[in-house]
Protein backbone atom coordinates (compact mmCIF):
# COMPACT_ATOMS: atom_id res chain seq x y z
CA MET A 1 33.88 -12.70 58.73
CA LYS A 2 30.79 -14.42 60.29
CA ARG A 3 30.50 -18.64 59.40
CA ILE A 4 27.22 -19.73 57.75
CA VAL A 5 24.40 -20.00 60.22
CA SER A 6 21.62 -21.57 57.95
CA ILE A 7 19.58 -24.53 58.71
CA LEU A 8 19.57 -27.47 56.47
CA MET A 9 16.27 -27.80 54.40
CA VAL A 10 15.23 -30.80 53.48
CA LEU A 11 12.48 -31.26 50.49
CA ALA A 12 11.53 -34.55 49.11
CA MET A 13 11.07 -34.89 45.31
CA VAL A 14 7.91 -36.47 43.68
CA PHE A 15 7.71 -37.09 40.15
CA GLY A 16 4.70 -37.98 39.02
CA LEU A 17 3.66 -39.58 35.43
CA VAL A 18 0.23 -38.06 34.03
CA ALA A 19 -1.83 -40.95 33.61
CA PHE A 20 -4.45 -42.29 31.04
CA GLN A 21 -3.54 -39.48 28.82
CA CYS A 22 -2.79 -40.36 24.90
CA SER A 23 0.33 -39.14 24.21
CA SER A 24 3.25 -39.49 21.27
CA THR A 25 5.56 -42.13 21.04
CA GLU A 26 8.70 -39.84 22.26
CA ILE A 27 6.59 -39.18 25.26
CA THR A 28 5.86 -42.64 26.18
CA SER A 29 9.34 -43.75 25.67
CA ALA A 30 10.59 -41.08 27.73
CA LYS A 31 8.02 -42.26 30.87
CA LEU A 32 9.46 -45.66 30.34
CA TYR A 33 13.21 -44.50 30.23
CA ILE A 34 12.69 -41.94 33.34
CA GLN A 35 10.36 -45.28 35.62
CA GLN A 36 13.80 -47.31 34.49
CA LYS A 37 16.33 -44.93 35.51
CA ASN A 38 17.88 -44.15 32.07
CA LEU A 39 17.91 -40.61 32.03
CA PRO A 40 20.36 -40.32 28.88
CA LYS A 41 17.90 -42.78 26.20
CA ALA A 42 14.98 -40.33 28.05
CA LYS A 43 16.54 -37.23 27.32
CA ASP A 44 16.99 -38.06 23.38
CA ALA A 45 13.47 -39.29 23.19
CA LEU A 46 11.99 -35.82 24.58
CA LEU A 47 14.83 -33.85 22.45
CA LYS A 48 12.95 -35.68 19.56
CA GLU A 49 9.80 -34.89 21.13
CA VAL A 50 10.04 -31.04 21.49
CA GLU A 51 11.75 -30.76 17.92
CA LYS A 52 9.02 -32.59 16.10
CA ASN A 53 6.29 -30.44 18.64
CA PRO A 54 7.49 -27.30 19.68
CA LYS A 55 3.78 -26.53 21.94
CA SER A 56 4.46 -30.02 23.90
CA ASP A 57 3.90 -28.32 27.01
CA GLU A 58 4.78 -32.30 28.75
CA GLY A 59 7.85 -32.59 26.31
CA PHE A 60 9.46 -29.68 27.42
CA TYR A 61 8.42 -29.97 31.36
CA LEU A 62 9.54 -33.26 31.28
CA LEU A 63 13.01 -32.00 29.49
CA GLY A 64 13.33 -30.15 32.18
CA TYR A 65 12.71 -32.45 34.64
CA ILE A 66 15.89 -34.36 33.27
CA TYR A 67 18.05 -31.27 33.52
CA GLY A 68 17.54 -31.18 36.69
CA GLU A 69 18.40 -34.42 37.64
CA GLU A 70 21.52 -33.74 35.60
CA GLY A 71 22.51 -30.38 37.38
CA ASN A 72 22.17 -28.50 35.03
CA ILE A 73 19.62 -26.07 36.64
CA ASP A 74 20.16 -23.27 33.77
CA LYS A 75 18.60 -25.92 31.07
CA MET A 76 16.03 -26.69 33.36
CA LEU A 77 14.64 -23.48 33.94
CA GLU A 78 14.98 -23.21 30.06
CA SER A 79 13.00 -25.97 29.09
CA PHE A 80 10.15 -25.07 32.15
CA ASP A 81 9.77 -21.53 30.56
CA ALA A 82 9.06 -22.96 27.37
CA SER A 83 6.22 -25.74 28.82
CA LEU A 84 4.55 -22.50 30.63
CA ALA A 85 4.71 -20.17 27.97
CA ILE A 86 2.48 -23.33 26.14
CA SER A 87 0.03 -23.76 28.88
CA LYS A 88 0.00 -23.99 32.78
CA LYS A 89 -0.80 -27.59 32.95
CA PHE A 90 2.49 -27.94 34.65
CA GLU A 91 2.80 -25.16 36.65
CA GLN A 92 2.37 -27.09 40.29
CA ASN A 93 4.93 -29.91 39.10
CA ILE A 94 7.77 -27.28 38.05
CA GLU A 95 6.70 -24.88 41.28
CA ASP A 96 7.80 -28.44 43.16
CA SER A 97 10.72 -29.43 41.06
CA LYS A 98 12.43 -25.84 41.54
CA LYS A 99 11.95 -25.85 45.34
CA TYR A 100 13.36 -29.15 45.19
CA HIS A 101 16.17 -28.19 43.27
CA TRP A 102 16.58 -24.90 45.46
CA SER A 103 16.60 -26.93 48.99
CA ASN A 104 19.07 -29.19 47.54
CA ASN A 105 21.80 -26.68 46.02
CA PHE A 106 21.01 -24.84 49.14
CA ASN A 107 22.02 -28.09 51.51
CA LYS A 108 25.03 -28.80 49.17
CA GLY A 109 26.14 -25.09 49.37
CA VAL A 110 25.76 -25.55 53.28
CA GLY A 111 28.17 -28.65 53.14
CA PHE A 112 30.62 -27.85 51.09
CA PHE A 113 31.12 -24.00 53.05
CA ASN A 114 31.84 -26.56 56.44
CA ARG A 115 33.90 -28.40 54.50
CA ALA A 116 35.85 -25.12 53.35
CA THR A 117 36.12 -23.96 56.89
CA LYS A 118 37.48 -27.65 58.05
CA ALA A 119 40.04 -28.12 55.48
CA THR A 120 43.59 -27.24 56.23
CA ALA A 121 45.17 -26.95 52.38
CA GLU A 122 44.83 -23.79 50.68
CA ASP A 123 43.90 -25.07 47.42
CA THR A 124 41.04 -27.48 49.00
CA THR A 125 39.80 -24.81 51.00
CA LYS A 126 39.82 -22.72 47.81
CA MET A 127 38.12 -25.74 45.98
CA PHE A 128 35.34 -25.86 48.53
CA PHE A 129 34.16 -22.47 48.78
CA ASP A 130 33.99 -22.13 44.84
CA GLN A 131 31.84 -25.62 45.15
CA SER A 132 29.86 -23.28 47.80
CA ILE A 133 29.39 -20.46 45.98
CA ALA A 134 28.55 -22.62 42.61
CA ALA A 135 25.57 -24.57 44.65
CA PHE A 136 24.18 -21.19 46.25
CA GLU A 137 24.23 -19.53 42.82
CA SER A 138 22.08 -22.72 41.38
CA ALA A 139 19.44 -22.30 43.99
CA ILE A 140 19.59 -18.94 43.84
CA LEU A 141 18.20 -19.77 40.15
CA CYS A 142 15.62 -22.01 41.23
CA GLN A 143 14.06 -19.22 44.17
CA PRO A 144 15.54 -15.88 42.95
CA ASP A 145 13.49 -14.36 46.76
CA SER A 146 15.59 -16.22 48.89
CA VAL A 147 17.06 -14.51 51.61
CA SER A 148 18.88 -16.80 53.30
CA THR A 149 20.50 -18.38 50.06
CA TYR A 150 21.61 -14.42 49.14
CA GLN A 151 23.02 -14.24 52.73
CA ASN A 152 24.86 -17.32 52.84
CA LEU A 153 26.50 -16.67 48.89
CA VAL A 154 27.54 -13.71 50.39
CA PHE A 155 29.43 -15.48 52.87
CA SER A 156 30.65 -17.99 50.98
CA TYR A 157 31.85 -14.89 48.72
CA TYR A 158 33.63 -12.92 51.79
CA ASN A 159 35.72 -15.91 52.62
CA ALA A 160 36.50 -17.15 49.62
CA GLY A 161 38.65 -13.67 49.70
CA ARG A 162 35.88 -12.35 46.87
CA PRO A 163 34.28 -9.53 48.41
CA MET A 164 33.38 -7.48 45.41
CA ASP A 165 31.67 -10.42 44.17
CA ALA A 166 29.20 -10.31 47.10
CA VAL A 167 27.74 -6.33 46.09
CA LYS A 168 24.84 -7.80 44.05
CA PRO A 169 23.90 -10.72 46.30
CA LEU A 170 23.80 -7.71 49.16
CA GLU A 171 22.45 -5.67 46.76
CA LYS A 172 19.40 -7.77 46.31
CA ILE A 173 18.77 -8.32 49.96
CA ILE A 174 18.78 -4.97 50.33
CA GLU A 175 16.24 -4.91 47.73
CA LEU A 176 13.78 -7.48 49.43
CA ILE A 177 14.54 -6.52 53.52
CA LYS A 178 16.67 -3.74 53.77
CA SER A 179 18.47 -5.56 56.73
CA ALA A 180 21.64 -3.52 58.97
CA ASP A 181 24.10 -6.48 58.04
CA SER A 182 23.36 -6.36 54.42
CA TYR A 183 24.03 -2.52 54.34
CA ALA A 184 26.73 -2.14 56.80
CA MET A 185 28.56 -4.94 54.90
CA LEU A 186 28.52 -3.65 51.04
CA GLY A 187 29.32 0.13 52.47
CA GLU A 188 32.30 -1.63 54.09
CA ILE A 189 32.97 -3.66 50.90
CA TYR A 190 33.26 -0.34 49.42
CA TYR A 191 34.85 1.40 51.60
CA ASN A 192 37.67 -1.53 51.59
CA LYS A 193 37.89 -0.97 48.22
CA GLY A 194 38.57 3.41 48.07
CA ILE A 195 41.29 2.59 51.34
CA GLU A 196 42.82 0.00 48.68
CA TYR A 197 42.83 2.58 45.83
CA ILE A 198 44.25 5.45 48.11
CA ASN A 199 47.16 3.44 49.48
CA LYS A 200 47.65 2.07 45.69
CA TYR A 201 47.56 6.03 44.62
CA THR A 202 50.33 6.54 47.21
CA GLU A 203 52.72 4.49 45.53
CA SER A 204 51.96 5.14 42.00
CA LYS A 205 51.40 8.39 42.28
CA VAL A 206 48.77 8.09 39.29
CA ALA A 207 45.46 10.29 39.52
CA ALA A 208 43.51 7.28 38.20
CA ASP A 209 43.83 5.60 41.18
CA SER A 210 43.01 8.42 44.24
CA THR A 211 39.98 9.27 41.66
CA THR A 212 38.59 5.46 41.36
CA GLY A 213 38.68 5.43 45.34
CA MET A 214 37.03 8.37 45.91
CA GLU A 215 34.45 7.01 43.65
CA PHE A 216 34.10 3.26 45.95
CA PHE A 217 34.07 6.35 49.02
CA HIS A 218 30.79 8.25 47.58
CA LYS A 219 29.64 4.82 46.72
CA ALA A 220 29.31 3.91 50.02
CA ILE A 221 28.32 7.25 51.57
CA LYS A 222 25.36 6.38 49.19
CA VAL A 223 24.51 2.94 50.03
CA LEU A 224 25.66 3.57 53.86
CA GLU A 225 23.02 6.88 53.90
CA ASP A 226 20.24 4.81 52.98
CA GLY A 227 20.89 1.99 55.71
CA ARG A 228 21.15 4.98 58.00
CA LYS A 229 17.79 6.12 57.15
CA ASN A 230 16.36 2.58 57.76
CA HIS A 231 18.63 1.96 60.91
CA PRO A 232 19.14 5.27 62.50
CA ASP A 233 20.65 3.57 65.81
CA ASN A 234 22.92 0.97 64.27
CA PRO A 235 26.28 1.58 65.11
CA GLU A 236 27.87 -0.40 62.45
CA ILE A 237 26.78 1.94 59.73
CA LEU A 238 27.27 5.44 61.37
CA MET A 239 30.67 4.11 61.78
CA ILE A 240 31.81 3.09 58.50
CA LEU A 241 29.92 6.27 57.11
CA SER A 242 31.62 8.19 59.55
CA ASN A 243 34.81 6.58 58.03
CA ALA A 244 33.76 6.95 54.41
CA TYR A 245 32.84 10.99 54.88
CA ILE A 246 36.46 11.56 56.47
CA ASN A 247 38.43 9.76 53.27
CA ALA A 248 36.31 11.21 50.82
CA ASP A 249 37.42 15.11 52.47
CA GLU A 250 33.78 15.71 53.42
CA LEU A 251 34.63 15.84 57.61
CA GLU A 252 32.39 18.67 57.23
CA THR A 253 29.44 17.58 55.63
CA ALA A 254 30.29 14.36 58.41
CA MET A 255 29.99 16.38 61.41
CA ASP A 256 26.85 18.66 59.79
CA THR A 257 24.88 15.34 59.63
CA PHE A 258 25.68 13.98 62.86
CA LYS A 259 25.42 17.13 64.97
CA ALA A 260 21.81 17.52 63.40
CA GLY A 261 21.40 13.87 64.73
CA ILE A 262 22.70 15.14 68.48
CA GLU A 263 20.31 17.92 67.88
CA LYS A 264 17.17 15.81 67.82
CA GLU A 265 18.09 13.06 69.86
CA PRO A 266 20.72 14.59 72.42
CA LEU A 267 20.26 10.99 74.33
CA ASN A 268 21.20 9.09 71.30
CA LYS A 269 24.80 7.56 72.40
CA VAL A 270 25.39 6.17 68.69
CA TYR A 271 25.50 9.56 67.30
CA ARG A 272 27.24 11.13 70.23
CA TYR A 273 29.86 8.94 69.86
CA ASN A 274 30.19 8.96 66.15
CA TYR A 275 30.08 12.59 66.16
CA GLY A 276 33.02 12.73 68.96
CA VAL A 277 35.07 10.56 66.18
CA LEU A 278 34.63 12.95 63.69
CA LEU A 279 35.72 15.77 65.82
CA LEU A 280 38.51 13.48 67.36
CA GLY A 281 39.64 13.16 63.01
CA ALA A 282 39.76 16.98 62.19
CA ASP A 283 41.94 17.73 65.69
CA LYS A 284 38.98 19.03 67.71
CA PHE A 285 39.82 17.45 70.84
CA GLU A 286 37.77 19.42 73.88
CA GLU A 287 34.97 19.15 71.35
CA ALA A 288 35.97 15.74 71.09
CA ALA A 289 36.16 14.73 74.37
CA THR A 290 32.60 16.23 75.23
CA GLN A 291 31.03 14.13 73.05
CA PHE A 292 32.65 11.09 74.33
CA GLU A 293 32.00 12.24 78.08
CA LYS A 294 28.36 12.58 77.17
CA ALA A 295 28.42 8.79 75.37
CA ILE A 296 29.91 7.92 78.65
CA GLU A 297 26.80 9.60 80.54
CA ILE A 298 24.10 8.10 78.60
CA ASP A 299 26.07 4.61 78.64
CA PRO A 300 28.12 4.18 81.44
CA ALA A 301 29.65 0.70 79.61
CA TYR A 302 30.00 2.21 76.38
CA GLU A 303 33.56 0.47 76.13
CA ASN A 304 34.42 2.23 72.73
CA ALA A 305 33.72 5.72 73.82
CA PHE A 306 36.08 5.68 77.10
CA TYR A 307 38.70 4.32 74.26
CA ASN A 308 38.14 6.93 71.95
CA LEU A 309 38.09 9.36 74.82
CA GLY A 310 41.53 8.16 75.82
CA VAL A 311 43.17 8.59 72.65
CA THR A 312 41.70 12.08 72.64
CA TYR A 313 43.73 13.16 75.54
CA VAL A 314 46.43 11.31 74.47
CA LYS A 315 46.73 13.19 70.82
CA TRP A 316 45.78 16.36 72.36
CA GLY A 317 48.79 16.38 74.54
CA THR A 318 50.88 15.02 72.06
CA LYS A 319 49.97 18.34 69.62
CA LEU A 320 50.53 20.40 72.80
CA ARG A 321 53.87 18.66 73.06
CA GLU A 322 54.93 19.30 69.75
CA ALA A 323 53.43 22.74 69.53
CA ASN A 324 55.59 23.89 72.71
CA ILE A 325 58.60 21.75 71.98
CA GLU A 326 60.79 24.52 72.32
CA ASP A 327 59.40 26.12 75.37
CA GLU A 328 60.85 23.30 78.08
CA ASN A 329 58.70 24.98 80.73
CA ASN A 330 55.40 24.31 78.97
CA LYS A 331 54.04 20.89 80.68
CA GLU A 332 50.75 21.27 79.60
CA TYR A 333 50.53 18.02 77.70
CA LEU A 334 51.08 16.11 80.76
CA GLU A 335 47.77 17.41 82.08
CA LYS A 336 45.99 15.55 78.70
CA PHE A 337 48.03 12.35 79.38
CA LYS A 338 47.49 12.40 83.00
CA LEU A 339 43.18 12.95 81.83
CA SER A 340 43.51 9.90 79.25
CA LEU A 341 44.93 6.75 82.36
CA THR A 342 41.28 7.23 84.37
CA PRO A 343 39.07 6.48 80.14
CA LEU A 344 41.71 3.70 79.00
CA ASN A 345 42.16 1.87 82.57
CA LYS A 346 38.12 1.68 82.24
CA TYR A 347 38.63 0.33 78.98
CA LEU A 348 40.52 -1.95 79.86
CA GLU A 349 38.89 -2.91 82.80
CA MET A 350 36.16 -4.01 80.43
CA LYS A 351 38.55 -5.49 78.02
CA PRO A 352 41.34 -6.90 79.52
CA GLU A 353 43.16 -8.74 76.84
CA GLU A 354 43.58 -5.33 74.19
CA ALA A 355 47.03 -5.38 73.76
CA LYS A 356 47.64 -2.59 71.34
CA VAL A 357 45.91 -0.23 74.47
CA TRP A 358 47.67 -1.79 76.78
CA GLU A 359 50.88 -0.29 74.70
CA LEU A 360 49.27 2.71 74.49
CA LEU A 361 48.89 2.72 78.11
CA GLY A 362 52.65 2.41 78.62
CA LYS A 363 53.44 4.97 76.46
CA VAL A 364 51.49 7.26 78.65
CA TYR A 365 52.87 6.14 81.78
CA ALA A 366 56.44 6.18 80.47
CA ASN A 367 55.86 10.07 79.30
CA LEU A 368 54.58 10.68 82.86
CA ALA A 369 57.69 8.83 83.97
CA MET A 370 55.45 6.56 85.84
CA THR A 371 58.23 3.78 85.05
CA ALA A 372 56.31 0.99 87.20
CA GLU A 373 53.10 1.15 85.80
CA SER A 374 54.60 1.59 82.50
CA LYS A 375 56.68 -1.71 83.39
CA ALA A 376 53.61 -3.76 84.03
CA ALA A 377 51.84 -2.23 81.08
CA PHE A 378 54.03 -3.07 78.81
CA GLU A 379 54.23 -6.32 80.37
CA LYS A 380 50.49 -7.38 79.87
CA ALA A 381 50.79 -6.09 76.06
CA ASP A 382 53.16 -8.92 75.56
CA LEU A 383 51.61 -11.26 77.38
CA TYR A 384 48.21 -10.23 75.49
CA ARG A 385 49.42 -9.87 72.28
C-alpha cells in the first residue's frame, strides 16, 4: 500500500476582534478573556450571550472560534453555521478559520501517519493510525472538497487494516476528480471482499456467504466499468475488472467486452493482454497465446504478457498430459512445455528476483528431463525466496 505522499500545508490563524462597535457585556467580556487566553471564561460568557440573544451573529462566530481552539470541530462548524444564518458579517473570518483548522488537522494527520509507519509496537502503530484518521476526518469537515485530504484518509484506513472504511472517501474522490487510482482501489476493495465471502462459503456452505460474495463482485464490476469508461487504457482497472467478471461467473460477458475493445483498438496492448487473461481462465489456450503474443508484438518489453504466455503453455501442456494419461506414447504435452521456456526466461531477464517464476521454470525443466537446468532454477528460487 502506498505511503502518504502529501506536502504539509502551513496556514496562520489570525484572529481579529472587531473594534469601535457597541457590544453586549458578554461579548465585551469574551473578547477580553480571549485576549488573555482564558478560553473557558470566554466560552462561558459567549454561551450566556447566545442564550440571551439567539440572533447574536458575533456571539456565535466567537463561540465557533473557541470550539475550534478546543479541537471540537463539529461544534465549531455548528456555531459558524448559526452565525452565517443570522448574517454574512463574519463570513470571511469564518472561511479563514475553516482553512486554518483544515491545515492544522491535515498536518496532524500527516504527522500521526508518519509516526505510525515508524512505530514498532503493534498497539502504538494502531494508535497513531487511528489518530491520523481522526485528524483527516476533522480536516474534511473544514474543507469538504479537499481531494488530498480524502486521499490521505484512504491511505490511513488502508494501513490501519480498515479498507472498507475507505469506501466513502474513495467515492468522494471519484465524484470530485474521477482518478484512475481511486476507481482501481475501490474496485479492488469490493473484489477482495467478494473473495473473502466466497472463501468463507467454501468452509461454511452457507448460501448467504456465496450470495454476499457475488454482490461484492458485482459492485466491483459496476465501479470498474465506470472507471474503464473514464480511463480505457488503465491496466490496473482492466485487470481487476477481468478478475471480477471471472469470479462473478460472467466470463463470456468479460470476453465480449475486451474482444469489442480489441476490435475497436487492435493495437491496444492492455486490451490484448486482459483478453488473453480471460481466455486463459476459460482454458482457451491457443487463443490466449495469440493475444499475449500480439501484446508482446505491440510492446516487446511487456513483462506480464511474457509471464502469462509462459503460464499458458504450461497449463496447456498440463491439460494435454491429463487428457492422455493412459497413452504413454503421446508426448504432445512436452512440446507445450518447451514453448513455455522462452517467454518464462524472457520474463526473468526483466525481473530476475521473482522466486515463484524460477520455481515454475524449475518444474518445467524437470518435466523436460533437463536436470541441470531444473536444479539451477530451483536454486535461484531458493535464493530469491
